Amino acid sequence: MTSSDDPRSGALTGLRPRLPSPLREVADGRFEQRGVRLLLKRDDLVHPELVGNKWRKLAPNLAAAAGRTVLTFGGAYSNHLRATAAAGRLLGLATVGVVRGQELADRPLNDSLARCAADGMRLHFVDRSTYRRKTEPETLAAVLRAADAEDAYVVPEGGSNPAAVRGCRALGAELAGRADVVAVACGTGGTLAGLAAGLGTGMRALGVPVLRGGFLTDGIRDLQTAAFGGPRGDWSLDDRFHFGGYGRTTPELVAFAEDFEHRHGVPVERLYVAKLLYALVALAEEDAFPRGSTVAAVITGRPYP
């Protein structure tokens, strides 16, 4: 791991993350009756503003930026944009958020984008066609020019790039030897790619995608190849628990999250964490985990106010 990939790099020591994040067992009859232990890896407690995998993915990129403007991408309610803006304020870095939806430029900012702006992030809105092509070199160059940020350090949507994946490897290392299966919700797949690489022999990583489409497998393989030179770890995906796609919930999922909060006193973020925990309960009821297994759920975020 290079210094720029280390979340505890000297350039970021002022952020004072809580590492390793807490790991605690919870008593839940839905698992106990099948002889399975449930652990919660409280990555939501790593940092009050750079929560969970946002810290692990952003920290190595912020160190690599070395004081340059940081430009990244997201939708109107992107937690990634909020975390990047907060990091910029805390570290004194200029940040630019490229926001999907040109029409939003003429509307009042929603609470999420207003928070980004309050933290000093300069918002640049682009039409949805341009946003879809943002990884194409010519389109990216045009966006950088239009945003007056041609010298910026670019972080991809969701923060998943090789530096971020290497940063998430530390999450797996913190859990090595502590569980048989480690599960995490997946958006772009960067957290799972790094987590799997850090786990010990005989441990399995399980990803629960929150988007429809079943397209993450190749993306995770590509991220591991870019970060480590090839595949790493034992990992798989279960695509059944997206509840209609990214940003979508159902009354059933909301009721499940409220019940889990009541049972265990843990705030459950609805778009990622609730889907992960729902999936683990369903898999336990399917006897997907052998008796005597220990399953760790990575709590990657918490509800934003």
C-alpha atoms as a PDB file:
ATOM      1  CA  MET A   1       0.000   0.000   0.000  1.00  0.00           C
ATOM      2  CA  THR A   2       1.430   3.366  -0.973  1.00  0.00           C
ATOM      3  CA  SER A   3       1.133   6.405   1.288  1.00  0.00           C
ATOM      4  CA  SER A   4      -1.562   7.854  -0.973  1.00  0.00           C
ATOM      5  CA  ASP A   5      -3.632   4.681  -0.609  1.00  0.00           C
ATOM      6  CA  ASP A   6      -3.379   4.609   3.191  1.00  0.00           C
ATOM      7  CA  PRO A   7      -6.474   6.154   4.823  1.00  0.00           C
ATOM      8  CA  ARG A   8      -4.255   7.213   7.714  1.00  0.00           C
ATOM      9  CA  SER A   9      -1.887   9.114   5.443  1.00  0.00           C
ATOM     10  CA  GLY A  10      -0.304  12.136   7.150  1.00  0.00           C
ATOM     11  CA  ALA A  11      -2.187  14.555   4.896  1.00  0.00           C
ATOM     12  CA  LEU A  12      -5.448  13.388   6.470  1.00  0.00           C
ATOM     13  CA  THR A  13      -4.549  12.941  10.112  1.00  0.00           C
ATOM     14  CA  GLY A  14      -6.578  15.997  11.092  1.00  0.00           C
ATOM     15  CA  LEU A  15      -9.765  14.121  10.237  1.00  0.00           C
ATOM     16  CA  ARG A  16      -9.219  11.661  13.114  1.00  0.00           C
ATOM     17  CA  PRO A  17     -11.116   8.609  11.859  1.00  0.00           C
ATOM     18  CA  ARG A  18     -12.140   5.849  14.265  1.00  0.00           C
ATOM     19  CA  LEU A  19     -10.217   2.867  12.947  1.00  0.00           C
ATOM     20  CA  PRO A  20     -10.707   0.001  13.167  1.00  0.00           C
ATOM     21  CA  SER A  21     -14.445   0.548  13.274  1.00  0.00           C
ATOM     22  CA  PRO A  22     -16.374  -1.270  16.042  1.00  0.00           C
ATOM     23  CA  LEU A  23     -17.519  -4.859  15.575  1.00  0.00           C
ATOM     24  CA  ARG A  24     -20.277  -6.148  17.827  1.00  0.00           C
ATOM     25  CA  GLU A  25     -22.496  -9.182  18.019  1.00  0.00           C
ATOM     26  CA  VAL A  26     -26.254  -8.725  18.159  1.00  0.00           C
ATOM     27  CA  ALA A  27     -28.792 -11.230  19.424  1.00  0.00           C
ATOM     28  CA  ASP A  28     -31.403 -11.776  16.725  1.00  0.00           C
ATOM     29  CA  GLY A  29     -33.704 -14.786  16.932  1.00  0.00           C
ATOM     30  CA  ARG A  30     -34.040 -15.012  13.162  1.00  0.00           C
ATOM     31  CA  PHE A  31     -30.374 -16.001  13.037  1.00  0.00           C
ATOM     32  CA  GLU A  32     -30.048 -17.739  16.394  1.00  0.00           C
ATOM     33  CA  GLN A  33     -32.746 -20.288  15.630  1.00  0.00           C
ATOM     34  CA  ARG A  34     -30.662 -21.406  12.664  1.00  0.00           C
ATOM     35  CA  GLY A  35     -27.438 -21.558  14.644  1.00  0.00           C
ATOM     36  CA  VAL A  36     -25.935 -18.458  13.007  1.00  0.00           C
ATOM     37  CA  ARG A  37     -24.171 -15.571  14.777  1.00  0.00           C
ATOM     38  CA  LEU A  38     -24.729 -12.048  13.424  1.00  0.00           C
ATOM     39  CA  LEU A  39     -22.053  -9.377  13.780  1.00  0.00           C
ATOM     40  CA  LEU A  40     -22.410  -5.726  12.803  1.00  0.00           C
ATOM     41  CA  LYS A  41     -19.288  -4.001  11.511  1.00  0.00           C
ATOM     42  CA  ARG A  42     -20.102  -0.389  12.417  1.00  0.00           C
ATOM     43  CA  ASP A  43     -18.347   1.444   9.626  1.00  0.00           C
ATOM     44  CA  ASP A  44     -21.020   4.125  10.041  1.00  0.00           C
ATOM     45  CA  LEU A  45     -19.020   5.219  13.106  1.00  0.00           C
ATOM     46  CA  VAL A  46     -15.681   5.751  11.318  1.00  0.00           C
ATOM     47  CA  HIS A  47     -16.200   9.503  10.998  1.00  0.00           C
ATOM     48  CA  PRO A  48     -19.186  11.755  11.695  1.00  0.00           C
ATOM     49  CA  GLU A  49     -19.192  13.279   8.197  1.00  0.00           C
ATOM     50  CA  LEU A  50     -17.214  10.835   6.035  1.00  0.00           C
ATOM     51  CA  VAL A  51     -19.304   7.836   6.954  1.00  0.00           C
ATOM     52  CA  GLY A  52     -18.271   4.230   6.447  1.00  0.00           C
ATOM     53  CA  ASN A  53     -17.132   3.284   2.995  1.00  0.00           C
ATOM     54  CA  LYS A  54     -17.148   6.960   2.026  1.00  0.00           C
ATOM     55  CA  TRP A  55     -14.112   7.411   4.293  1.00  0.00           C
ATOM     56  CA  ARG A  56     -12.375   4.287   3.075  1.00  0.00           C
ATOM     57  CA  LYS A  57     -12.860   5.179  -0.603  1.00  0.00           C
ATOM     58  CA  LEU A  58     -12.314   8.932  -0.406  1.00  0.00           C
ATOM     59  CA  ALA A  59      -9.354   9.071   1.961  1.00  0.00           C
ATOM     60  CA  PRO A  60      -6.737   7.612  -0.419  1.00  0.00           C
ATOM     61  CA  ASN A  61      -8.047   9.804  -3.244  1.00  0.00           C
ATOM     62  CA  LEU A  62      -7.928  12.926  -1.089  1.00  0.00           C
ATOM     63  CA  ALA A  63      -4.345  12.119  -0.144  1.00  0.00           C
ATOM     64  CA  ALA A  64      -3.468  11.585  -3.813  1.00  0.00           C
ATOM     65  CA  ALA A  65      -5.079  14.922  -4.746  1.00  0.00           C
ATOM     66  CA  ALA A  66      -2.262  16.613  -2.806  1.00  0.00           C
ATOM     67  CA  GLY A  67      -4.080  19.919  -2.417  1.00  0.00           C
ATOM     68  CA  ARG A  68      -5.557  20.122  -5.919  1.00  0.00           C
ATOM     69  CA  THR A  69      -9.213  20.793  -6.581  1.00  0.00           C
ATOM     70  CA  VAL A  70     -11.213  17.552  -6.337  1.00  0.00           C
ATOM     71  CA  LEU A  71     -13.943  17.046  -8.942  1.00  0.00           C
ATOM     72  CA  THR A  72     -16.442  14.225  -8.754  1.00  0.00           C
ATOM     73  CA  PHE A  73     -19.884  13.174  -9.972  1.00  0.00           C
ATOM     74  CA  GLY A  74     -23.284  12.320  -8.552  1.00  0.00           C
ATOM     75  CA  GLY A  75     -27.028  12.623  -8.696  1.00  0.00           C
ATOM     76  CA  ALA A  76     -29.210  15.149  -6.927  1.00  0.00           C
ATOM     77  CA  TYR A  77     -29.249  13.120  -3.691  1.00  0.00           C
ATOM     78  CA  SER A  78     -25.753  11.654  -3.848  1.00  0.00           C
ATOM     79  CA  ASN A  79     -24.232  10.778  -0.474  1.00  0.00           C
ATOM     80  CA  HIS A  80     -20.891  10.611  -2.275  1.00  0.00           C
ATOM     81  CA  LEU A  81     -21.167  14.284  -3.229  1.00  0.00           C
ATOM     82  CA  ARG A  82     -22.081  15.174   0.347  1.00  0.00           C
ATOM     83  CA  ALA A  83     -19.100  13.299   1.736  1.00  0.00           C
ATOM     84  CA  THR A  84     -16.703  14.845  -0.789  1.00  0.00           C
ATOM     85  CA  ALA A  85     -17.978  18.334  -0.012  1.00  0.00           C
ATOM     86  CA  ALA A  86     -17.603  17.735   3.727  1.00  0.00           C
ATOM     87  CA  ALA A  87     -14.073  16.432   3.235  1.00  0.00           C
ATOM     88  CA  GLY A  88     -13.198  19.509   1.216  1.00  0.00           C
ATOM     89  CA  ARG A  89     -14.417  21.774   4.015  1.00  0.00           C
ATOM     90  CA  LEU A  90     -12.540  19.809   6.681  1.00  0.00           C
ATOM     91  CA  LEU A  91      -9.278  19.702   4.727  1.00  0.00           C
ATOM     92  CA  GLY A  92      -9.468  23.113   3.063  1.00  0.00           C
ATOM     93  CA  LEU A  93      -9.693  21.584  -0.429  1.00  0.00           C
ATOM     94  CA  ALA A  94     -11.684  23.113  -3.277  1.00  0.00           C
ATOM     95  CA  THR A  95     -14.344  20.700  -4.569  1.00  0.00           C
ATOM     96  CA  VAL A  96     -16.524  20.601  -7.659  1.00  0.00           C
ATOM     97  CA  GLY A  97     -19.598  18.381  -7.959  1.00  0.00           C
ATOM     98  CA  VAL A  98     -20.810  17.509 -11.458  1.00  0.00           C
ATOM     99  CA  VAL A  99     -24.517  16.879 -10.979  1.00  0.00           C
ATOM    100  CA  ARG A 100     -26.704  14.777 -13.275  1.00  0.00           C
ATOM    101  CA  GLY A 101     -29.626  16.837 -14.628  1.00  0.00           C
ATOM    102  CA  GLN A 102     -29.186  20.212 -16.327  1.00  0.00           C
ATOM    103  CA  GLU A 103     -32.778  21.085 -15.403  1.00  0.00           C
ATOM    104  CA  LEU A 104     -31.790  21.170 -11.723  1.00  0.00           C
ATOM    105  CA  ALA A 105     -29.743  24.308 -12.303  1.00  0.00           C
ATOM    106  CA  ASP A 106     -32.937  26.367 -12.543  1.00  0.00           C
ATOM    107  CA  ARG A 107     -34.570  24.926  -9.425  1.00  0.00           C
ATOM    108  CA  PRO A 108     -34.005  25.582  -5.728  1.00  0.00           C
ATOM    109  CA  LEU A 109     -31.371  23.244  -4.340  1.00  0.00           C
ATOM    110  CA  ASN A 110     -32.679  20.225  -2.461  1.00  0.00           C
ATOM    111  CA  ASP A 111     -31.401  19.614   1.070  1.00  0.00           C
ATOM    112  CA  SER A 112     -28.580  17.345  -0.125  1.00  0.00           C
ATOM    113  CA  LEU A 113     -27.197  19.741  -2.737  1.00  0.00           C
ATOM    114  CA  ALA A 114     -27.722  22.703  -0.414  1.00  0.00           C
ATOM    115  CA  ARG A 115     -25.510  20.936   2.139  1.00  0.00           C
ATOM    116  CA  CYS A 116     -22.844  20.415  -0.538  1.00  0.00           C
ATOM    117  CA  ALA A 117     -22.956  24.104  -1.450  1.00  0.00           C
ATOM    118  CA  ALA A 118     -22.817  25.134   2.213  1.00  0.00           C
ATOM    119  CA  ASP A 119     -19.657  23.041   2.574  1.00  0.00           C
ATOM    120  CA  GLY A 120     -18.072  24.985  -0.270  1.00  0.00           C
ATOM    121  CA  MET A 121     -18.620  22.614  -3.175  1.00  0.00           C
ATOM    122  CA  ARG A 122     -19.105  24.353  -6.507  1.00  0.00           C
ATOM    123  CA  LEU A 123     -21.953  22.620  -8.329  1.00  0.00           C
ATOM    124  CA  HIS A 124     -21.852  22.151 -12.103  1.00  0.00           C
ATOM    125  CA  PHE A 125     -24.987  20.726 -13.708  1.00  0.00           C
ATOM    126  CA  VAL A 126     -24.883  18.698 -16.941  1.00  0.00           C
ATOM    127  CA  ASP A 127     -27.583  17.131 -19.082  1.00  0.00           C
ATOM    128  CA  ARG A 128     -28.260  13.454 -18.646  1.00  0.00           C
ATOM    129  CA  SER A 129     -26.816  12.456 -22.016  1.00  0.00           C
ATOM    130  CA  THR A 130     -23.508  14.117 -21.192  1.00  0.00           C
ATOM    131  CA  TYR A 131     -23.551  12.546 -17.745  1.00  0.00           C
ATOM    132  CA  ARG A 132     -23.933   9.047 -19.204  1.00  0.00           C
ATOM    133  CA  ARG A 133     -20.834   9.645 -21.339  1.00  0.00           C
ATOM    134  CA  LYS A 134     -18.759  11.209 -18.562  1.00  0.00           C
ATOM    135  CA  THR A 135     -16.082   8.494 -18.638  1.00  0.00           C
ATOM    136  CA  GLU A 136     -15.356   9.049 -22.336  1.00  0.00           C
ATOM    137  CA  PRO A 137     -12.118  11.071 -22.593  1.00  0.00           C
ATOM    138  CA  GLU A 138     -13.508  13.751 -24.919  1.00  0.00           C
ATOM    139  CA  THR A 139     -16.664  14.213 -22.861  1.00  0.00           C
ATOM    140  CA  LEU A 140     -14.729  14.351 -19.604  1.00  0.00           C
ATOM    141  CA  ALA A 141     -12.341  16.930 -21.036  1.00  0.00           C
ATOM    142  CA  ALA A 142     -15.293  19.059 -22.169  1.00  0.00           C
ATOM    143  CA  VAL A 143     -16.904  18.817 -18.729  1.00  0.00           C
ATOM    144  CA  LEU A 144     -13.659  19.860 -17.036  1.00  0.00           C
ATOM    145  CA  ARG A 145     -13.345  22.860 -19.339  1.00  0.00           C
ATOM    146  CA  ALA A 146     -16.957  23.895 -18.820  1.00  0.00           C
ATOM    147  CA  ALA A 147     -16.547  23.583 -15.040  1.00  0.00           C
ATOM    148  CA  ASP A 148     -13.324  25.627 -15.147  1.00  0.00           C
ATOM    149  CA  ALA A 149     -11.549  22.706 -13.488  1.00  0.00           C
ATOM    150  CA  GLU A 150      -9.127  21.392 -16.098  1.00  0.00           C
ATOM    151  CA  ASP A 151      -6.396  20.781 -13.503  1.00  0.00           C
ATOM    152  CA  ALA A 152      -8.681  19.026 -11.015  1.00  0.00           C
ATOM    153  CA  TYR A 153      -8.083  15.596  -9.509  1.00  0.00           C
ATOM    154  CA  VAL A 154     -11.024  13.535 -10.798  1.00  0.00           C
ATOM    155  CA  VAL A 155     -12.783  10.997  -8.585  1.00  0.00           C
ATOM    156  CA  PRO A 156     -15.361   8.817 -10.394  1.00  0.00           C
ATOM    157  CA  GLU A 157     -19.027   8.563  -9.470  1.00  0.00           C
ATOM    158  CA  GLY A 158     -19.375   6.675  -6.198  1.00  0.00           C
ATOM    159  CA  GLY A 159     -15.646   7.062  -5.578  1.00  0.00           C
ATOM    160  CA  SER A 160     -14.733   3.619  -6.956  1.00  0.00           C
ATOM    161  CA  ASN A 161     -11.307   3.571  -8.577  1.00  0.00           C
ATOM    162  CA  PRO A 162      -8.115   1.580  -7.910  1.00  0.00           C
ATOM    163  CA  ALA A 163      -7.054   3.850  -5.027  1.00  0.00           C
ATOM    164  CA  ALA A 164     -10.462   3.469  -3.402  1.00  0.00           C
ATOM    165  CA  VAL A 165     -10.433  -0.300  -3.830  1.00  0.00           C
ATOM    166  CA  ARG A 166      -7.032  -0.525  -2.175  1.00  0.00           C
ATOM    167  CA  GLY A 167      -8.359   1.679   0.620  1.00  0.00           C
ATOM    168  CA  CYS A 168     -11.257  -0.727   1.186  1.00  0.00           C
ATOM    169  CA  ARG A 169      -8.847  -3.644   1.496  1.00  0.00           C
ATOM    170  CA  ALA A 170      -8.241  -2.453   5.076  1.00  0.00           C
ATOM    171  CA  LEU A 171     -11.895  -3.202   5.843  1.00  0.00           C
ATOM    172  CA  GLY A 172     -11.327  -6.839   4.961  1.00  0.00           C
ATOM    173  CA  ALA A 173      -8.133  -6.936   6.996  1.00  0.00           C
ATOM    174  CA  GLU A 174     -10.017  -5.645  10.060  1.00  0.00           C
ATOM    175  CA  LEU A 175     -12.448  -8.557   9.717  1.00  0.00           C
ATOM    176  CA  ALA A 176      -9.919 -11.293   8.956  1.00  0.00           C
ATOM    177  CA  GLY A 177     -10.622 -14.333  11.102  1.00  0.00           C
ATOM    178  CA  ARG A 178     -13.746 -12.810  12.658  1.00  0.00           C
ATOM    179  CA  ALA A 179     -16.492 -14.273  10.432  1.00  0.00           C
ATOM    180  CA  ASP A 180     -17.198 -16.895   7.807  1.00  0.00           C
ATOM    181  CA  VAL A 181     -19.201 -14.575   5.556  1.00  0.00           C
ATOM    182  CA  VAL A 182     -18.878 -10.785   5.342  1.00  0.00           C
ATOM    183  CA  ALA A 183     -21.721  -9.040   3.546  1.00  0.00           C
ATOM    184  CA  VAL A 184     -21.937  -5.521   2.157  1.00  0.00           C
ATOM    185  CA  ALA A 185     -24.409  -3.542   0.058  1.00  0.00           C
ATOM    186  CA  CYS A 186     -23.084  -2.635  -3.393  1.00  0.00           C
ATOM    187  CA  GLY A 187     -23.565   0.396  -5.609  1.00  0.00           C
ATOM    188  CA  THR A 188     -20.538   0.639  -7.871  1.00  0.00           C
ATOM    189  CA  GLY A 189     -18.806  -2.420  -6.351  1.00  0.00           C
ATOM    190  CA  GLY A 190     -15.611  -0.758  -5.145  1.00  0.00           C
ATOM    191  CA  THR A 191     -16.134  -1.586  -1.477  1.00  0.00           C
ATOM    192  CA  LEU A 192     -16.749  -5.267  -2.201  1.00  0.00           C
ATOM    193  CA  ALA A 193     -13.733  -5.413  -4.519  1.00  0.00           C
ATOM    194  CA  GLY A 194     -11.420  -4.171  -1.771  1.00  0.00           C
ATOM    195  CA  LEU A 195     -13.141  -5.992   1.087  1.00  0.00           C
ATOM    196  CA  ALA A 196     -12.769  -9.364  -0.634  1.00  0.00           C
ATOM    197  CA  ALA A 197      -9.077  -8.720  -1.218  1.00  0.00           C
ATOM    198  CA  GLY A 198      -8.469  -8.066   2.470  1.00  0.00           C
ATOM    199  CA  LEU A 199     -10.292 -11.069   3.952  1.00  0.00           C
ATOM    200  CA  GLY A 200      -8.407 -14.088   5.194  1.00  0.00           C
ATOM    201  CA  THR A 201      -8.312 -17.573   3.741  1.00  0.00           C
ATOM    202  CA  GLY A 202     -11.582 -19.469   4.117  1.00  0.00           C
ATOM    203  CA  MET A 203     -13.689 -16.311   4.353  1.00  0.00           C
ATOM    204  CA  ARG A 204     -16.280 -15.286   1.786  1.00  0.00           C
ATOM    205  CA  ALA A 205     -17.509 -11.824   0.806  1.00  0.00           C
ATOM    206  CA  LEU A 206     -21.144 -11.411  -0.234  1.00  0.00           C
ATOM    207  CA  GLY A 207     -22.354  -8.373  -2.144  1.00  0.00           C
ATOM    208  CA  VAL A 208     -25.990  -7.232  -2.200  1.00  0.00           C
ATOM    209  CA  PRO A 209     -26.462  -4.875  -5.184  1.00  0.00           C
ATOM    210  CA  VAL A 210     -28.918  -2.021  -4.667  1.00  0.00           C
ATOM    211  CA  LEU A 211     -29.314  -1.446  -8.418  1.00  0.00           C
ATOM    212  CA  ARG A 212     -31.156  -3.570 -10.916  1.00  0.00           C
ATOM    213  CA  GLY A 213     -29.455  -5.098 -13.915  1.00  0.00           C
ATOM    214  CA  GLY A 214     -27.004  -7.741 -12.744  1.00  0.00           C
ATOM    215  CA  PHE A 215     -24.079  -5.849 -14.318  1.00  0.00           C
ATOM    216  CA  LEU A 216     -21.697  -5.513 -11.360  1.00  0.00           C
ATOM    217  CA  THR A 217     -19.745  -8.751 -11.739  1.00  0.00           C
ATOM    218  CA  ASP A 218     -17.577  -7.548 -14.635  1.00  0.00           C
ATOM    219  CA  GLY A 219     -17.130  -4.141 -13.020  1.00  0.00           C
ATOM    220  CA  ILE A 220     -15.829  -5.662  -9.789  1.00  0.00           C
ATOM    221  CA  ARG A 221     -13.441  -7.907 -11.692  1.00  0.00           C
ATOM    222  CA  ASP A 222     -12.167  -4.880 -13.621  1.00  0.00           C
ATOM    223  CA  LEU A 223     -11.689  -2.893 -10.400  1.00  0.00           C
ATOM    224  CA  GLN A 224      -9.706  -5.716  -8.792  1.00  0.00           C
ATOM    225  CA  THR A 225      -7.560  -6.079 -11.890  1.00  0.00           C
ATOM    226  CA  ALA A 226      -6.847  -2.354 -11.937  1.00  0.00           C
ATOM    227  CA  ALA A 227      -6.116  -2.252  -8.203  1.00  0.00           C
ATOM    228  CA  PHE A 228      -4.274  -5.526  -7.661  1.00  0.00           C
ATOM    229  CA  GLY A 229      -3.390  -6.889 -11.096  1.00  0.00           C
ATOM    230  CA  GLY A 230      -6.014  -9.632 -11.021  1.00  0.00           C
ATOM    231  CA  PRO A 231      -8.872 -11.259  -9.080  1.00  0.00           C
ATOM    232  CA  ARG A 232      -8.644 -11.352  -5.301  1.00  0.00           C
ATOM    233  CA  GLY A 233     -10.629 -13.223  -2.670  1.00  0.00           C
ATOM    234  CA  ASP A 234     -13.762 -15.340  -2.672  1.00  0.00           C
ATOM    235  CA  TRP A 235     -16.803 -13.175  -3.436  1.00  0.00           C
ATOM    236  CA  SER A 236     -20.255 -13.427  -4.961  1.00  0.00           C
ATOM    237  CA  LEU A 237     -23.354 -11.294  -5.545  1.00  0.00           C
ATOM    238  CA  ASP A 238     -27.028 -11.840  -4.795  1.00  0.00           C
ATOM    239  CA  ASP A 239     -29.109  -9.590  -7.069  1.00  0.00           C
ATOM    240  CA  ARG A 240     -32.539 -10.318  -5.572  1.00  0.00           C
ATOM    241  CA  PHE A 241     -32.794  -7.526  -3.019  1.00  0.00           C
ATOM    242  CA  HIS A 242     -32.665  -4.208  -4.897  1.00  0.00           C
ATOM    243  CA  PHE A 243     -36.368  -3.446  -4.189  1.00  0.00           C
ATOM    244  CA  GLY A 244     -36.918  -1.931  -7.603  1.00  0.00           C
ATOM    245  CA  GLY A 245     -33.559  -0.274  -8.138  1.00  0.00           C
ATOM    246  CA  TYR A 246     -31.327   2.482  -6.839  1.00  0.00           C
ATOM    247  CA  GLY A 247     -33.013   5.008  -4.599  1.00  0.00           C
ATOM    248  CA  ARG A 248     -36.163   2.897  -4.312  1.00  0.00           C
ATOM    249  CA  THR A 249     -37.780   1.413  -1.261  1.00  0.00           C
ATOM    250  CA  THR A 250     -41.075  -0.258  -0.471  1.00  0.00           C
ATOM    251  CA  PRO A 251     -43.336  -0.139   2.594  1.00  0.00           C
ATOM    252  CA  GLU A 252     -42.123  -3.654   3.412  1.00  0.00           C
ATOM    253  CA  LEU A 253     -38.475  -2.545   3.403  1.00  0.00           C
ATOM    254  CA  VAL A 254     -39.193   0.568   5.479  1.00  0.00           C
ATOM    255  CA  ALA A 255     -41.116  -1.517   8.027  1.00  0.00           C
ATOM    256  CA  PHE A 256     -38.229  -4.001   8.164  1.00  0.00           C
ATOM    257  CA  ALA A 257     -35.722  -1.186   8.782  1.00  0.00           C
ATOM    258  CA  GLU A 258     -37.846   0.321  11.552  1.00  0.00           C
ATOM    259  CA  ASP A 259     -38.180  -3.089  13.193  1.00  0.00           C
ATOM    260  CA  PHE A 260     -34.405  -3.688  13.020  1.00  0.00           C
ATOM    261  CA  GLU A 261     -33.768  -0.283  14.584  1.00  0.00           C
ATOM    262  CA  HIS A 262     -36.196  -1.109  17.388  1.00  0.00           C
ATOM    263  CA  ARG A 263     -34.638  -4.545  17.984  1.00  0.00           C
ATOM    264  CA  HIS A 264     -31.010  -3.447  18.038  1.00  0.00           C
ATOM    265  CA  GLY A 265     -30.820   0.325  18.506  1.00  0.00           C
ATOM    266  CA  VAL A 266     -28.868   0.756  15.267  1.00  0.00           C
ATOM    267  CA  PRO A 267     -29.903   3.472  12.780  1.00  0.00           C
ATOM    268  CA  VAL A 268     -30.631   1.797   9.449  1.00  0.00           C
ATOM    269  CA  GLU A 269     -30.004   3.766   6.267  1.00  0.00           C
ATOM    270  CA  ARG A 270     -32.752   2.809   3.830  1.00  0.00           C
ATOM    271  CA  LEU A 271     -31.175   2.740   0.354  1.00  0.00           C
ATOM    272  CA  TYR A 272     -28.182   0.495   1.089  1.00  0.00           C
ATOM    273  CA  VAL A 273     -28.059  -0.862   4.620  1.00  0.00           C
ATOM    274  CA  ALA A 274     -31.730  -1.846   4.893  1.00  0.00           C
ATOM    275  CA  LYS A 275     -31.460  -3.900   1.695  1.00  0.00           C
ATOM    276  CA  LEU A 276     -28.335  -5.627   3.004  1.00  0.00           C
ATOM    277  CA  LEU A 277     -29.897  -6.555   6.334  1.00  0.00           C
ATOM    278  CA  TYR A 278     -33.161  -7.660   4.699  1.00  0.00           C
ATOM    279  CA  ALA A 279     -31.127  -9.898   2.378  1.00  0.00           C
ATOM    280  CA  LEU A 280     -29.266 -11.502   5.275  1.00  0.00           C
ATOM    281  CA  VAL A 281     -32.482 -12.267   7.151  1.00  0.00           C
ATOM    282  CA  ALA A 282     -33.975 -13.801   3.991  1.00  0.00           C
ATOM    283  CA  LEU A 283     -30.841 -15.859   3.348  1.00  0.00           C
ATOM    284  CA  ALA A 284     -30.813 -17.100   6.946  1.00  0.00           C
ATOM    285  CA  GLU A 285     -34.424 -18.193   6.551  1.00  0.00           C
ATOM    286  CA  GLU A 286     -33.399 -20.040   3.372  1.00  0.00           C
ATOM    287  CA  ASP A 287     -30.679 -21.846   5.393  1.00  0.00           C
ATOM    288  CA  ALA A 288     -28.048 -20.315   3.116  1.00  0.00           C
ATOM    289  CA  PHE A 289     -25.599 -20.171   6.050  1.00  0.00           C
ATOM    290  CA  PRO A 290     -24.557 -23.489   7.650  1.00  0.00           C
ATOM    291  CA  ARG A 291     -25.248 -23.936  11.351  1.00  0.00           C
ATOM    292  CA  GLY A 292     -22.319 -22.661  13.361  1.00  0.00           C
ATOM    293  CA  SER A 293     -21.555 -19.897  10.861  1.00  0.00           C
ATOM    294  CA  THR A 294     -20.741 -16.322  11.758  1.00  0.00           C
ATOM    295  CA  VAL A 295     -22.024 -13.638   9.403  1.00  0.00           C
ATOM    296  CA  ALA A 296     -20.783 -10.038   9.563  1.00  0.00           C
ATOM    297  CA  ALA A 297     -22.839  -7.231   8.020  1.00  0.00           C
ATOM    298  CA  VAL A 298     -20.902  -4.091   7.114  1.00  0.00           C
ATOM    299  CA  ILE A 299     -22.956  -1.039   8.064  1.00  0.00           C
ATOM    300  CA  THR A 300     -21.627   1.329   5.432  1.00  0.00           C
ATOM    301  CA  GLY A 301     -23.761   4.380   6.208  1.00  0.00           C
ATOM    302  CA  ARG A 302     -26.428   5.936   8.333  1.00  0.00           C
ATOM    303  CA  PRO A 303     -29.438   8.119   7.615  1.00  0.00           C
ATOM    304  CA  TYR A 304     -28.468  11.698   6.780  1.00  0.00           C
ATOM    305  CA  PRO A 305     -30.405  14.398   8.653  1.00  0.00           C
END
